[in-house]
Amino acid sequence: MRTELTDTTSSKIDRALLAARRAVGSHTTGLVLTLIVATDEENAYDAVRAATEAAREHPCRIIVVIKRTSRGPHTLRETRLDAELRVGSDAGTGEIVILRLHGELTGHTGSVVLPLLVPDAPVVAWWPADAPDRPAHDELGALAQRRITDAQSAPDPVAVLDERAAAYTPGDTDLAWTRLTPWRALLAAALDQSGLPVTGAGVESEAGNPSAELLARWLEDRLGVPVERVATRGPVITRVRLETADGEIRIDRPAGAVATLSVPGRPDRPVALKIRTNAELIAEELRRLDADVIYGSALRRRPLQAALSA
């Protein structure tokens, strides 16, 4: 069921949600959290689709906040809130509220969203693009226990990581880090199998990949060895190598969804290492609502070796 509201208020939206639930035969919400998606019109469709798919695993109220900038001489006078509500089959397993803020309301997003949060439930904020410099101090970020950004969407992703490190607050995370979960799991398992001390490491990827930089910082933080950054044609991360006295532990993924894991003294074996969708990444982040201290430690790690080989 879809409901359109023009020039409305937060209280009217809340009442309309209740009426929509009754109309589809659902008098209780059964929602486990609120997911706030702060985006623009250009990225809204993909963001709503990803959030809706993630909500299949975590039933939630998705509140999409879109700031609209009007054109013309009467721009400042046009203060208006429009909303689109989706409940039932149109919203998957949760509810979707798409808010379009015009005029002065664009500077008061927190006040607009606050009455629409699911009562007594955690709040997660996600910026698919154009995230604030200090997410925890943003109006929407201040409402959330977890704040998800994506450095990959920035013009200079690696520089953005340094900015995020300076402004880091427990509860912050980034999809560039979430993309590393399979890589980190494989590397940890390989080290457990070998039992060998690591004397050096290297990460090879396309230039400017924030996940590769975070992976290098994580290895330096956990292993205490310098990590060489090597630029390749990609796509994304293509190889990680750990140097030991018996040879290299290596993960090669030149292309595709299958990588090769090499451990000294053991036969090479193929491992699944696909590039995951944003929906899969968001679903993973919604599984944990506590602070990711490992991410915070890796993000703020000062590189032991700043040079990038070509």
C-alpha atoms as a PDB file:
ATOM      1  CA  MET A   1       0.000   0.000   0.000  1.00  0.00           C
ATOM      2  CA  ARG A   2       1.325   3.426  -0.973  1.00  0.00           C
ATOM      3  CA  THR A   3       0.210   6.775   0.425  1.00  0.00           C
ATOM      4  CA  GLU A   4       1.266  10.191  -0.850  1.00  0.00           C
ATOM      5  CA  LEU A   5       1.212  13.204   1.474  1.00  0.00           C
ATOM      6  CA  THR A   6       1.924  16.750   0.275  1.00  0.00           C
ATOM      7  CA  ASP A   7       2.740  19.733   2.473  1.00  0.00           C
ATOM      8  CA  THR A   8       2.394  17.588   5.569  1.00  0.00           C
ATOM      9  CA  THR A   9       3.838  17.263   9.083  1.00  0.00           C
ATOM     10  CA  SER A  10       5.540  14.508  11.075  1.00  0.00           C
ATOM     11  CA  SER A  11       2.417  13.939  13.202  1.00  0.00           C
ATOM     12  CA  LYS A  12       0.237  13.520  10.111  1.00  0.00           C
ATOM     13  CA  ILE A  13       2.756  11.046   8.682  1.00  0.00           C
ATOM     14  CA  ASP A  14       2.678   9.046  11.912  1.00  0.00           C
ATOM     15  CA  ARG A  15      -1.128   8.889  11.827  1.00  0.00           C
ATOM     16  CA  ALA A  16      -1.066   7.912   8.165  1.00  0.00           C
ATOM     17  CA  LEU A  17       1.334   5.048   8.960  1.00  0.00           C
ATOM     18  CA  LEU A  18      -1.047   3.749  11.622  1.00  0.00           C
ATOM     19  CA  ALA A  19      -3.986   3.951   9.202  1.00  0.00           C
ATOM     20  CA  ALA A  20      -1.982   2.171   6.498  1.00  0.00           C
ATOM     21  CA  ARG A  21      -1.049  -0.677   8.861  1.00  0.00           C
ATOM     22  CA  ARG A  22      -4.685  -1.136   9.790  1.00  0.00           C
ATOM     23  CA  ALA A  23      -5.682  -1.103   6.131  1.00  0.00           C
ATOM     24  CA  VAL A  24      -3.331  -3.970   5.320  1.00  0.00           C
ATOM     25  CA  GLY A  25      -4.389  -5.893   8.419  1.00  0.00           C
ATOM     26  CA  SER A  26      -1.322  -5.296  10.595  1.00  0.00           C
ATOM     27  CA  HIS A  27      -2.088  -3.563  13.889  1.00  0.00           C
ATOM     28  CA  THR A  28       1.411  -4.012  15.360  1.00  0.00           C
ATOM     29  CA  THR A  29       4.721  -3.143  13.784  1.00  0.00           C
ATOM     30  CA  GLY A  30       7.068  -6.018  14.686  1.00  0.00           C
ATOM     31  CA  LEU A  31       9.960  -3.773  13.656  1.00  0.00           C
ATOM     32  CA  VAL A  32      13.340  -4.244  15.311  1.00  0.00           C
ATOM     33  CA  LEU A  33      14.991  -0.929  14.434  1.00  0.00           C
ATOM     34  CA  THR A  34      14.853   2.297  12.444  1.00  0.00           C
ATOM     35  CA  LEU A  35      17.168   2.731   9.452  1.00  0.00           C
ATOM     36  CA  ILE A  36      17.618   6.364   8.424  1.00  0.00           C
ATOM     37  CA  VAL A  37      18.913   6.798   4.882  1.00  0.00           C
ATOM     38  CA  ALA A  38      20.176  10.316   4.127  1.00  0.00           C
ATOM     39  CA  THR A  39      20.527  10.675   0.378  1.00  0.00           C
ATOM     40  CA  ASP A  40      19.648  12.769  -2.665  1.00  0.00           C
ATOM     41  CA  GLU A  41      17.307  12.171  -5.581  1.00  0.00           C
ATOM     42  CA  GLU A  42      20.107  10.803  -7.753  1.00  0.00           C
ATOM     43  CA  ASN A  43      20.983   8.003  -5.321  1.00  0.00           C
ATOM     44  CA  ALA A  44      17.569   7.515  -3.706  1.00  0.00           C
ATOM     45  CA  TYR A  45      16.309   4.662  -5.905  1.00  0.00           C
ATOM     46  CA  ASP A  46      19.384   2.463  -5.414  1.00  0.00           C
ATOM     47  CA  ALA A  47      19.552   3.303  -1.691  1.00  0.00           C
ATOM     48  CA  VAL A  48      15.891   2.406  -1.086  1.00  0.00           C
ATOM     49  CA  ARG A  49      16.293  -0.823  -3.026  1.00  0.00           C
ATOM     50  CA  ALA A  50      19.376  -1.845  -1.021  1.00  0.00           C
ATOM     51  CA  ALA A  51      17.757  -0.926   2.296  1.00  0.00           C
ATOM     52  CA  THR A  52      14.580  -2.834   1.408  1.00  0.00           C
ATOM     53  CA  GLU A  53      16.560  -5.960   0.572  1.00  0.00           C
ATOM     54  CA  ALA A  54      18.535  -5.662   3.813  1.00  0.00           C
ATOM     55  CA  ALA A  55      15.248  -5.292   5.722  1.00  0.00           C
ATOM     56  CA  ARG A  56      14.239  -8.817   4.677  1.00  0.00           C
ATOM     57  CA  GLU A  57      16.730 -10.005   7.273  1.00  0.00           C
ATOM     58  CA  HIS A  58      16.082  -7.154   9.728  1.00  0.00           C
ATOM     59  CA  PRO A  59      12.454  -5.900   9.630  1.00  0.00           C
ATOM     60  CA  CYS A  60      12.716  -2.171  10.146  1.00  0.00           C
ATOM     61  CA  ARG A  61      11.213   1.200   9.403  1.00  0.00           C
ATOM     62  CA  ILE A  62      13.265   2.783   6.651  1.00  0.00           C
ATOM     63  CA  ILE A  63      13.157   6.576   6.745  1.00  0.00           C
ATOM     64  CA  VAL A  64      14.648   8.106   3.605  1.00  0.00           C
ATOM     65  CA  VAL A  65      15.559  11.782   3.976  1.00  0.00           C
ATOM     66  CA  ILE A  66      15.959  13.763   0.753  1.00  0.00           C
ATOM     67  CA  LYS A  67      16.756  17.454   0.883  1.00  0.00           C
ATOM     68  CA  ARG A  68      15.268  19.303  -2.084  1.00  0.00           C
ATOM     69  CA  THR A  69      16.708  22.593  -3.286  1.00  0.00           C
ATOM     70  CA  SER A  70      14.156  24.638  -5.213  1.00  0.00           C
ATOM     71  CA  ARG A  71      15.128  27.039  -7.957  1.00  0.00           C
ATOM     72  CA  GLY A  72      13.886  30.543  -8.566  1.00  0.00           C
ATOM     73  CA  PRO A  73      13.431  33.769  -6.593  1.00  0.00           C
ATOM     74  CA  HIS A  74      11.049  32.258  -4.029  1.00  0.00           C
ATOM     75  CA  THR A  75      13.374  29.454  -2.929  1.00  0.00           C
ATOM     76  CA  LEU A  76      13.604  30.528   0.709  1.00  0.00           C
ATOM     77  CA  ARG A  77       9.821  30.842   1.101  1.00  0.00           C
ATOM     78  CA  GLU A  78       9.079  27.310  -0.074  1.00  0.00           C
ATOM     79  CA  THR A  79       9.203  25.415   3.195  1.00  0.00           C
ATOM     80  CA  ARG A  80       7.340  22.149   2.773  1.00  0.00           C
ATOM     81  CA  LEU A  81       7.446  18.499   3.744  1.00  0.00           C
ATOM     82  CA  ASP A  82       6.237  15.863   1.289  1.00  0.00           C
ATOM     83  CA  ALA A  83       6.098  12.176   2.118  1.00  0.00           C
ATOM     84  CA  GLU A  84       5.542   8.822   0.450  1.00  0.00           C
ATOM     85  CA  LEU A  85       4.570   5.903   2.692  1.00  0.00           C
ATOM     86  CA  ARG A  86       4.915   2.242   1.754  1.00  0.00           C
ATOM     87  CA  VAL A  87       3.413  -0.459   3.948  1.00  0.00           C
ATOM     88  CA  GLY A  88       2.682  -4.127   3.298  1.00  0.00           C
ATOM     89  CA  SER A  89       3.804  -5.769   0.068  1.00  0.00           C
ATOM     90  CA  ASP A  90       5.177  -2.463  -1.258  1.00  0.00           C
ATOM     91  CA  ALA A  91       7.662  -2.303   1.619  1.00  0.00           C
ATOM     92  CA  GLY A  92       8.839  -5.902   1.945  1.00  0.00           C
ATOM     93  CA  THR A  93       8.997  -6.944   5.594  1.00  0.00           C
ATOM     94  CA  GLY A  94       8.997  -3.433   7.081  1.00  0.00           C
ATOM     95  CA  GLU A  95       7.805   0.095   6.402  1.00  0.00           C
ATOM     96  CA  ILE A  96       9.253   2.777   4.161  1.00  0.00           C
ATOM     97  CA  VAL A  97       8.841   6.513   4.694  1.00  0.00           C
ATOM     98  CA  ILE A  98      10.344   8.735   2.002  1.00  0.00           C
ATOM     99  CA  LEU A  99      10.610  12.354   3.139  1.00  0.00           C
ATOM    100  CA  ARG A 100      11.327  15.258   0.805  1.00  0.00           C
ATOM    101  CA  LEU A 101      12.272  18.396   2.686  1.00  0.00           C
ATOM    102  CA  HIS A 102      12.024  21.801   1.018  1.00  0.00           C
ATOM    103  CA  GLY A 103      13.246  25.217   2.087  1.00  0.00           C
ATOM    104  CA  GLU A 104      14.128  25.889   5.710  1.00  0.00           C
ATOM    105  CA  LEU A 105      13.185  22.335   6.714  1.00  0.00           C
ATOM    106  CA  THR A 106      16.408  21.072   5.139  1.00  0.00           C
ATOM    107  CA  GLY A 107      18.230  22.562   8.120  1.00  0.00           C
ATOM    108  CA  HIS A 108      16.044  20.762  10.671  1.00  0.00           C
ATOM    109  CA  THR A 109      16.158  17.116   9.579  1.00  0.00           C
ATOM    110  CA  GLY A 110      16.521  15.807  13.130  1.00  0.00           C
ATOM    111  CA  SER A 111      13.322  17.497  14.304  1.00  0.00           C
ATOM    112  CA  VAL A 112      11.391  16.099  11.335  1.00  0.00           C
ATOM    113  CA  VAL A 113      12.652  12.529  11.749  1.00  0.00           C
ATOM    114  CA  LEU A 114      12.585  12.214  15.548  1.00  0.00           C
ATOM    115  CA  PRO A 115       8.781  11.699  15.897  1.00  0.00           C
ATOM    116  CA  LEU A 116       8.890   8.958  13.224  1.00  0.00           C
ATOM    117  CA  LEU A 117      11.442   6.673  14.909  1.00  0.00           C
ATOM    118  CA  VAL A 118      10.257   3.244  16.015  1.00  0.00           C
ATOM    119  CA  PRO A 119       9.713   3.599  19.796  1.00  0.00           C
ATOM    120  CA  ASP A 120      12.252   1.895  22.069  1.00  0.00           C
ATOM    121  CA  ALA A 121      14.234   0.479  19.149  1.00  0.00           C
ATOM    122  CA  PRO A 122      17.815   1.075  17.972  1.00  0.00           C
ATOM    123  CA  VAL A 123      18.504   3.624  15.247  1.00  0.00           C
ATOM    124  CA  VAL A 124      21.026   3.245  12.415  1.00  0.00           C
ATOM    125  CA  ALA A 125      21.919   6.076  10.028  1.00  0.00           C
ATOM    126  CA  TRP A 126      23.355   5.476   6.545  1.00  0.00           C
ATOM    127  CA  TRP A 127      24.738   7.989   4.066  1.00  0.00           C
ATOM    128  CA  PRO A 128      25.167   6.277   0.639  1.00  0.00           C
ATOM    129  CA  ALA A 129      27.034   9.382  -0.569  1.00  0.00           C
ATOM    130  CA  ASP A 130      27.992  12.872   0.616  1.00  0.00           C
ATOM    131  CA  ALA A 131      28.359  11.872   4.253  1.00  0.00           C
ATOM    132  CA  PRO A 132      29.032  14.643   6.794  1.00  0.00           C
ATOM    133  CA  ASP A 133      32.594  15.239   7.949  1.00  0.00           C
ATOM    134  CA  ARG A 134      31.610  14.329  11.524  1.00  0.00           C
ATOM    135  CA  PRO A 135      28.743  11.809  11.326  1.00  0.00           C
ATOM    136  CA  ALA A 136      28.184  11.645  15.089  1.00  0.00           C
ATOM    137  CA  HIS A 137      27.643  15.422  15.223  1.00  0.00           C
ATOM    138  CA  ASP A 138      25.203  15.502  12.317  1.00  0.00           C
ATOM    139  CA  GLU A 139      21.501  15.995  13.196  1.00  0.00           C
ATOM    140  CA  LEU A 140      20.597  12.544  11.922  1.00  0.00           C
ATOM    141  CA  GLY A 141      23.783  10.917  13.162  1.00  0.00           C
ATOM    142  CA  ALA A 142      23.080  12.171  16.680  1.00  0.00           C
ATOM    143  CA  LEU A 143      19.873  10.100  16.692  1.00  0.00           C
ATOM    144  CA  ALA A 144      21.683   6.866  15.829  1.00  0.00           C
ATOM    145  CA  GLN A 145      23.663   4.254  17.732  1.00  0.00           C
ATOM    146  CA  ARG A 146      25.386   3.198  14.505  1.00  0.00           C
ATOM    147  CA  ARG A 147      26.432   5.496  11.657  1.00  0.00           C
ATOM    148  CA  ILE A 148      27.340   4.014   8.273  1.00  0.00           C
ATOM    149  CA  THR A 149      29.270   5.953   5.635  1.00  0.00           C
ATOM    150  CA  ASP A 150      30.892   4.882   2.365  1.00  0.00           C
ATOM    151  CA  ALA A 151      34.301   6.330   1.561  1.00  0.00           C
ATOM    152  CA  GLN A 152      34.159   4.701  -1.882  1.00  0.00           C
ATOM    153  CA  SER A 153      31.624   7.332  -2.987  1.00  0.00           C
ATOM    154  CA  ALA A 154      33.958  10.260  -2.188  1.00  0.00           C
ATOM    155  CA  PRO A 155      36.106  11.983  -4.840  1.00  0.00           C
ATOM    156  CA  ASP A 156      39.268  11.135  -2.836  1.00  0.00           C
ATOM    157  CA  PRO A 157      38.383   7.999  -0.825  1.00  0.00           C
ATOM    158  CA  VAL A 158      41.738   7.556   0.959  1.00  0.00           C
ATOM    159  CA  ALA A 159      41.820  11.208   2.066  1.00  0.00           C
ATOM    160  CA  VAL A 160      38.305  10.780   3.442  1.00  0.00           C
ATOM    161  CA  LEU A 161      39.546   7.920   5.645  1.00  0.00           C
ATOM    162  CA  ASP A 162      41.974  10.310   7.339  1.00  0.00           C
ATOM    163  CA  GLU A 163      39.134  12.780   7.933  1.00  0.00           C
ATOM    164  CA  ARG A 164      36.963  10.016   9.385  1.00  0.00           C
ATOM    165  CA  ALA A 165      39.840   8.929  11.621  1.00  0.00           C
ATOM    166  CA  ALA A 166      40.173  12.432  13.046  1.00  0.00           C
ATOM    167  CA  ALA A 167      36.421  12.623  13.737  1.00  0.00           C
ATOM    168  CA  TYR A 168      35.913   8.984  14.765  1.00  0.00           C
ATOM    169  CA  THR A 169      33.285   8.315  17.427  1.00  0.00           C
ATOM    170  CA  PRO A 170      32.382   4.804  18.687  1.00  0.00           C
ATOM    171  CA  GLY A 171      29.462   3.649  16.574  1.00  0.00           C
ATOM    172  CA  ASP A 172      30.944   4.929  13.299  1.00  0.00           C
ATOM    173  CA  THR A 173      31.660   2.464  10.518  1.00  0.00           C
ATOM    174  CA  ASP A 174      32.162   2.485   6.764  1.00  0.00           C
ATOM    175  CA  LEU A 175      31.123   0.137   3.967  1.00  0.00           C
ATOM    176  CA  ALA A 176      34.741   0.172   2.764  1.00  0.00           C
ATOM    177  CA  TRP A 177      35.463  -1.763   5.983  1.00  0.00           C
ATOM    178  CA  THR A 178      32.433  -4.049   5.639  1.00  0.00           C
ATOM    179  CA  ARG A 179      33.649  -5.120   2.186  1.00  0.00           C
ATOM    180  CA  LEU A 180      36.740  -6.542   3.895  1.00  0.00           C
ATOM    181  CA  THR A 181      34.959  -9.099   6.089  1.00  0.00           C
ATOM    182  CA  PRO A 182      35.630 -12.110   3.788  1.00  0.00           C
ATOM    183  CA  TRP A 183      39.248 -11.037   3.239  1.00  0.00           C
ATOM    184  CA  ARG A 184      39.902 -10.661   6.958  1.00  0.00           C
ATOM    185  CA  ALA A 185      38.270 -14.015   7.726  1.00  0.00           C
ATOM    186  CA  LEU A 186      40.418 -15.799   5.118  1.00  0.00           C
ATOM    187  CA  LEU A 187      43.637 -14.159   6.281  1.00  0.00           C
ATOM    188  CA  ALA A 188      42.925 -14.952   9.922  1.00  0.00           C
ATOM    189  CA  ALA A 189      42.164 -18.600   9.075  1.00  0.00           C
ATOM    190  CA  ALA A 190      45.334 -18.891   6.974  1.00  0.00           C
ATOM    191  CA  LEU A 191      47.464 -17.519   9.816  1.00  0.00           C
ATOM    192  CA  ASP A 192      45.861 -19.942  12.256  1.00  0.00           C
ATOM    193  CA  GLN A 193      46.710 -22.834   9.914  1.00  0.00           C
ATOM    194  CA  SER A 194      50.330 -21.847   9.336  1.00  0.00           C
ATOM    195  CA  GLY A 195      51.213 -20.708  12.855  1.00  0.00           C
ATOM    196  CA  LEU A 196      54.133 -18.766  11.374  1.00  0.00           C
ATOM    197  CA  PRO A 197      55.180 -15.236  12.427  1.00  0.00           C
ATOM    198  CA  VAL A 198      54.657 -12.590   9.743  1.00  0.00           C
ATOM    199  CA  THR A 199      57.633 -10.387   8.872  1.00  0.00           C
ATOM    200  CA  GLY A 200      56.052  -8.220   6.170  1.00  0.00           C
ATOM    201  CA  ALA A 201      52.949  -7.835   4.040  1.00  0.00           C
ATOM    202  CA  GLY A 202      51.579  -6.281   0.889  1.00  0.00           C
ATOM    203  CA  VAL A 203      48.162  -5.243  -0.436  1.00  0.00           C
ATOM    204  CA  GLU A 204      47.622  -4.850  -4.181  1.00  0.00           C
ATOM    205  CA  SER A 205      44.603  -3.032  -5.572  1.00  0.00           C
ATOM    206  CA  GLU A 206      43.423  -0.355  -7.932  1.00  0.00           C
ATOM    207  CA  ALA A 207      44.754   3.059  -6.916  1.00  0.00           C
ATOM    208  CA  GLY A 208      42.746   4.971  -4.343  1.00  0.00           C
ATOM    209  CA  ASN A 209      40.715   2.005  -3.110  1.00  0.00           C
ATOM    210  CA  PRO A 210      39.667   2.733   0.504  1.00  0.00           C
ATOM    211  CA  SER A 211      39.084  -0.932   1.359  1.00  0.00           C
ATOM    212  CA  ALA A 212      42.666  -1.733   0.376  1.00  0.00           C
ATOM    213  CA  GLU A 213      43.966   1.093   2.571  1.00  0.00           C
ATOM    214  CA  LEU A 214      41.857  -0.077   5.510  1.00  0.00           C
ATOM    215  CA  LEU A 215      43.065  -3.643   5.001  1.00  0.00           C
ATOM    216  CA  ALA A 216      46.681  -2.461   5.036  1.00  0.00           C
ATOM    217  CA  ARG A 217      46.089  -0.466   8.215  1.00  0.00           C
ATOM    218  CA  TRP A 218      44.360  -3.441   9.844  1.00  0.00           C
ATOM    219  CA  LEU A 219      47.318  -5.721   9.047  1.00  0.00           C
ATOM    220  CA  GLU A 220      49.762  -3.163  10.427  1.00  0.00           C
ATOM    221  CA  ASP A 221      47.631  -2.743  13.534  1.00  0.00           C
ATOM    222  CA  ARG A 222      47.219  -6.472  14.184  1.00  0.00           C
ATOM    223  CA  LEU A 223      50.630  -7.755  13.055  1.00  0.00           C
ATOM    224  CA  GLY A 224      52.897  -4.803  13.800  1.00  0.00           C
ATOM    225  CA  VAL A 225      54.705  -5.037  10.453  1.00  0.00           C
ATOM    226  CA  PRO A 226      54.931  -2.529   7.573  1.00  0.00           C
ATOM    227  CA  VAL A 227      52.513  -3.185   4.715  1.00  0.00           C
ATOM    228  CA  GLU A 228      53.428  -2.303   1.134  1.00  0.00           C
ATOM    229  CA  ARG A 229      50.685  -0.684  -0.944  1.00  0.00           C
ATOM    230  CA  VAL A 230      50.899  -1.664  -4.619  1.00  0.00           C
ATOM    231  CA  ALA A 231      48.714  -0.067  -7.306  1.00  0.00           C
ATOM    232  CA  THR A 232      47.346  -2.423  -9.977  1.00  0.00           C
ATOM    233  CA  ARG A 233      44.669  -2.200 -12.657  1.00  0.00           C
ATOM    234  CA  GLY A 234      42.167  -3.843 -10.318  1.00  0.00           C
ATOM    235  CA  PRO A 235      39.312  -4.382 -10.083  1.00  0.00           C
ATOM    236  CA  VAL A 236      39.330  -3.493  -6.374  1.00  0.00           C
ATOM    237  CA  ILE A 237      41.715  -5.634  -4.255  1.00  0.00           C
ATOM    238  CA  THR A 238      43.564  -8.170  -6.401  1.00  0.00           C
ATOM    239  CA  ARG A 239      46.156  -9.690  -4.027  1.00  0.00           C
ATOM    240  CA  VAL A 240      47.199  -9.796  -0.377  1.00  0.00           C
ATOM    241  CA  ARG A 241      50.462 -11.401   0.688  1.00  0.00           C
ATOM    242  CA  LEU A 242      51.943 -12.110   4.106  1.00  0.00           C
ATOM    243  CA  GLU A 243      55.667 -12.852   4.282  1.00  0.00           C
ATOM    244  CA  THR A 244      56.880 -15.643   6.564  1.00  0.00           C
ATOM    245  CA  ALA A 245      60.134 -17.574   6.985  1.00  0.00           C
ATOM    246  CA  ASP A 246      58.652 -20.494   5.025  1.00  0.00           C
ATOM    247  CA  GLY A 247      57.311 -18.394   2.135  1.00  0.00           C
ATOM    248  CA  GLU A 248      54.305 -16.224   1.333  1.00  0.00           C
ATOM    249  CA  ILE A 249      50.732 -16.678   2.478  1.00  0.00           C
ATOM    250  CA  ARG A 250      48.850 -15.234  -0.470  1.00  0.00           C
ATOM    251  CA  ILE A 251      45.310 -14.570  -1.640  1.00  0.00           C
ATOM    252  CA  ASP A 252      45.030 -13.864  -5.370  1.00  0.00           C
ATOM    253  CA  ARG A 253      41.835 -12.531  -6.921  1.00  0.00           C
ATOM    254  CA  PRO A 254      42.749 -11.075 -10.333  1.00  0.00           C
ATOM    255  CA  ALA A 255      39.096 -11.013 -11.458  1.00  0.00           C
ATOM    256  CA  GLY A 256      35.746 -12.673 -10.857  1.00  0.00           C
ATOM    257  CA  ALA A 257      34.269 -14.171  -7.698  1.00  0.00           C
ATOM    258  CA  VAL A 258      36.870 -16.908  -7.066  1.00  0.00           C
ATOM    259  CA  ALA A 259      40.258 -16.347  -5.427  1.00  0.00           C
ATOM    260  CA  THR A 260      43.225 -18.656  -4.826  1.00  0.00           C
ATOM    261  CA  LEU A 261      44.565 -19.158  -1.314  1.00  0.00           C
ATOM    262  CA  SER A 262      48.226 -20.193  -1.087  1.00  0.00           C
ATOM    263  CA  VAL A 263      49.784 -21.315   2.206  1.00  0.00           C
ATOM    264  CA  PRO A 264      53.399 -22.628   2.425  1.00  0.00           C
ATOM    265  CA  GLY A 265      53.494 -26.411   2.600  1.00  0.00           C
ATOM    266  CA  ARG A 266      49.870 -26.810   1.525  1.00  0.00           C
ATOM    267  CA  PRO A 267      48.251 -27.147  -1.914  1.00  0.00           C
ATOM    268  CA  ASP A 268      46.630 -24.054  -3.386  1.00  0.00           C
ATOM    269  CA  ARG A 269      42.873 -24.018  -3.093  1.00  0.00           C
ATOM    270  CA  PRO A 270      40.092 -21.920  -4.615  1.00  0.00           C
ATOM    271  CA  VAL A 271      37.923 -19.854  -2.280  1.00  0.00           C
ATOM    272  CA  ALA A 272      34.745 -17.858  -2.922  1.00  0.00           C
ATOM    273  CA  LEU A 273      35.436 -14.138  -2.656  1.00  0.00           C
ATOM    274  CA  LYS A 274      32.784 -12.272  -4.603  1.00  0.00           C
ATOM    275  CA  ILE A 275      32.205  -8.532  -4.625  1.00  0.00           C
ATOM    276  CA  ARG A 276      29.086  -8.082  -2.511  1.00  0.00           C
ATOM    277  CA  THR A 277      26.155  -5.736  -3.124  1.00  0.00           C
ATOM    278  CA  ASN A 278      25.274  -2.774  -0.930  1.00  0.00           C
ATOM    279  CA  ALA A 279      22.205  -4.669   0.286  1.00  0.00           C
ATOM    280  CA  GLU A 280      24.426  -7.487   1.580  1.00  0.00           C
ATOM    281  CA  LEU A 281      26.780  -4.986   3.207  1.00  0.00           C
ATOM    282  CA  ILE A 282      23.974  -3.094   4.955  1.00  0.00           C
ATOM    283  CA  ALA A 283      22.431  -6.377   6.148  1.00  0.00           C
ATOM    284  CA  GLU A 284      25.779  -7.308   7.707  1.00  0.00           C
ATOM    285  CA  GLU A 285      26.077  -3.964   9.466  1.00  0.00           C
ATOM    286  CA  LEU A 286      22.556  -4.254  10.886  1.00  0.00           C
ATOM    287  CA  ARG A 287      23.533  -7.515  12.607  1.00  0.00           C
ATOM    288  CA  ARG A 288      25.619  -5.618  15.137  1.00  0.00           C
ATOM    289  CA  LEU A 289      24.685  -2.426  16.925  1.00  0.00           C
ATOM    290  CA  ASP A 290      27.659  -2.135  19.270  1.00  0.00           C
ATOM    291  CA  ALA A 291      30.769  -0.136  18.472  1.00  0.00           C
ATOM    292  CA  ASP A 292      33.231  -1.806  16.104  1.00  0.00           C
ATOM    293  CA  VAL A 293      36.451  -1.267  18.048  1.00  0.00           C
ATOM    294  CA  ILE A 294      38.565  -3.165  15.504  1.00  0.00           C
ATOM    295  CA  TYR A 295      37.440  -0.797  12.745  1.00  0.00           C
ATOM    296  CA  GLY A 296      38.184   2.206  14.941  1.00  0.00           C
ATOM    297  CA  SER A 297      41.669   0.910  15.754  1.00  0.00           C
ATOM    298  CA  ALA A 298      42.482   0.143  12.108  1.00  0.00           C
ATOM    299  CA  LEU A 299      41.057   3.444  10.849  1.00  0.00           C
ATOM    300  CA  ARG A 300      43.224   5.497  13.209  1.00  0.00           C
ATOM    301  CA  ARG A 301      46.379   3.484  12.617  1.00  0.00           C
ATOM    302  CA  ARG A 302      49.196   5.625  11.210  1.00  0.00           C
ATOM    303  CA  PRO A 303      50.719   3.776   8.234  1.00  0.00           C
ATOM    304  CA  LEU A 304      54.166   2.331   8.950  1.00  0.00           C
ATOM    305  CA  GLN A 305      54.994   2.710   5.269  1.00  0.00           C
ATOM    306  CA  ALA A 306      53.329   5.530   3.380  1.00  0.00           C
ATOM    307  CA  ALA A 307      54.855   4.847  -0.048  1.00  0.00           C
ATOM    308  CA  LEU A 308      52.642   3.411  -2.777  1.00  0.00           C
ATOM    309  CA  SER A 309      54.420   1.347  -5.447  1.00  0.00           C
ATOM    310  CA  ALA A 310      53.303   1.672  -9.058  1.00  0.00           C
END
